[in-house]
Amino acid sequence: MTRTENRCIDGESFDVVIVGGGPVGAALCGKLGARNVRVLLLEQGDSHVVDARMHHVNIRTMEVLRS
């Protein structure tokens, strides 16, 4: 697999671009960032979310987030 670099505003480069900041996108962003991968997370909304969007976390999800 060939590794390519994605360019963004101000000439900053990223290894991975994730589209969507839902549960999967946010978890993937956190996991990759913890491994020193330069990640850009793109979200459709133009402001922060005031209320929680996730109402339930199952056991397997918690295991993944803790690892």
C-alpha atoms as a PDB file:
ATOM      1  CA  MET A   1       0.000   0.000   0.000  1.00  0.00           C
ATOM      2  CA  THR A   2       1.349   3.427  -0.908  1.00  0.00           C
ATOM      3  CA  ARG A   3       1.171   6.100   1.759  1.00  0.00           C
ATOM      4  CA  THR A   4       0.054   9.529   0.551  1.00  0.00           C
ATOM      5  CA  GLU A   5      -0.109  12.830   2.378  1.00  0.00           C
ATOM      6  CA  ASN A   6      -3.206  15.000   2.430  1.00  0.00           C
ATOM      7  CA  ARG A   7      -2.755  18.772   2.576  1.00  0.00           C
ATOM      8  CA  CYS A   8      -5.027  21.109   4.459  1.00  0.00           C
ATOM      9  CA  ILE A   9      -5.305  24.787   5.399  1.00  0.00           C
ATOM     10  CA  ASP A  10      -2.038  26.542   6.285  1.00  0.00           C
ATOM     11  CA  GLY A  11       0.007  23.781   4.651  1.00  0.00           C
ATOM     12  CA  GLU A  12      -0.445  21.381   7.577  1.00  0.00           C
ATOM     13  CA  SER A  13      -0.362  17.731   6.541  1.00  0.00           C
ATOM     14  CA  PHE A  14      -2.289  14.743   7.856  1.00  0.00           C
ATOM     15  CA  ASP A  15      -1.840  11.002   7.515  1.00  0.00           C
ATOM     16  CA  VAL A  16      -5.567  10.220   7.751  1.00  0.00           C
ATOM     17  CA  VAL A  17      -8.732  12.224   7.073  1.00  0.00           C
ATOM     18  CA  ILE A  18     -11.881  10.967   8.816  1.00  0.00           C
ATOM     19  CA  VAL A  19     -15.242  12.205   7.581  1.00  0.00           C
ATOM     20  CA  GLY A  20     -17.891  12.182  10.305  1.00  0.00           C
ATOM     21  CA  GLY A  21     -17.482  12.740  14.020  1.00  0.00           C
ATOM     22  CA  GLY A  22     -20.040  10.201  15.186  1.00  0.00           C
ATOM     23  CA  PRO A  23     -19.184   7.397  17.605  1.00  0.00           C
ATOM     24  CA  VAL A  24     -17.061   5.467  15.089  1.00  0.00           C
ATOM     25  CA  GLY A  25     -15.271   8.490  13.635  1.00  0.00           C
ATOM     26  CA  ALA A  26     -14.521   9.970  17.059  1.00  0.00           C
ATOM     27  CA  ALA A  27     -13.283   6.640  18.446  1.00  0.00           C
ATOM     28  CA  LEU A  28     -11.099   6.038  15.401  1.00  0.00           C
ATOM     29  CA  CYS A  29      -9.712   9.563  15.639  1.00  0.00           C
ATOM     30  CA  GLY A  30      -8.845   9.057  19.301  1.00  0.00           C
ATOM     31  CA  LYS A  31      -7.219   5.659  18.739  1.00  0.00           C
ATOM     32  CA  LEU A  32      -5.120   6.851  15.800  1.00  0.00           C
ATOM     33  CA  GLY A  33      -4.148  10.054  17.597  1.00  0.00           C
ATOM     34  CA  ALA A  34      -2.976   8.013  20.585  1.00  0.00           C
ATOM     35  CA  ARG A  35      -0.625   6.219  18.190  1.00  0.00           C
ATOM     36  CA  ASN A  36       0.852   9.520  16.937  1.00  0.00           C
ATOM     37  CA  VAL A  37      -0.973   9.392  13.609  1.00  0.00           C
ATOM     38  CA  ARG A  38      -1.790  12.870  12.305  1.00  0.00           C
ATOM     39  CA  VAL A  39      -5.581  12.869  11.915  1.00  0.00           C
ATOM     40  CA  LEU A  40      -8.009  15.434  10.539  1.00  0.00           C
ATOM     41  CA  LEU A  41     -11.620  14.867  11.630  1.00  0.00           C
ATOM     42  CA  LEU A  42     -14.245  16.570   9.455  1.00  0.00           C
ATOM     43  CA  GLU A  43     -17.759  17.107  10.771  1.00  0.00           C
ATOM     44  CA  GLN A  44     -20.781  18.440   8.920  1.00  0.00           C
ATOM     45  CA  GLY A  45     -21.989  20.807  11.651  1.00  0.00           C
ATOM     46  CA  ASP A  46     -20.464  24.236  12.108  1.00  0.00           C
ATOM     47  CA  SER A  47     -20.795  24.440  15.904  1.00  0.00           C
ATOM     48  CA  HIS A  48     -20.333  22.269  18.987  1.00  0.00           C
ATOM     49  CA  VAL A  49     -23.025  19.915  20.264  1.00  0.00           C
ATOM     50  CA  VAL A  50     -24.571  20.980  23.554  1.00  0.00           C
ATOM     51  CA  ASP A  51     -26.377  17.764  24.492  1.00  0.00           C
ATOM     52  CA  ALA A  52     -25.183  14.154  24.423  1.00  0.00           C
ATOM     53  CA  ARG A  53     -25.956  12.149  21.287  1.00  0.00           C
ATOM     54  CA  MET A  54     -25.130   8.687  22.597  1.00  0.00           C
ATOM     55  CA  HIS A  55     -27.484   7.253  25.180  1.00  0.00           C
ATOM     56  CA  HIS A  56     -26.118   3.738  25.581  1.00  0.00           C
ATOM     57  CA  VAL A  57     -22.655   2.180  25.531  1.00  0.00           C
ATOM     58  CA  ASN A  58     -22.449  -1.602  25.397  1.00  0.00           C
ATOM     59  CA  ILE A  59     -19.757  -3.705  27.062  1.00  0.00           C
ATOM     60  CA  ARG A  60     -17.719  -4.355  23.899  1.00  0.00           C
ATOM     61  CA  THR A  61     -17.589  -0.649  23.113  1.00  0.00           C
ATOM     62  CA  MET A  62     -16.246   0.083  26.594  1.00  0.00           C
ATOM     63  CA  GLU A  63     -13.588  -2.627  26.142  1.00  0.00           C
ATOM     64  CA  VAL A  64     -12.420  -1.013  22.905  1.00  0.00           C
ATOM     65  CA  LEU A  65     -12.361   2.484  24.424  1.00  0.00           C
ATOM     66  CA  ARG A  66     -10.379   1.279  27.450  1.00  0.00           C
ATOM     67  CA  SER A  67      -7.712  -0.478  25.364  1.00  0.00           C
END
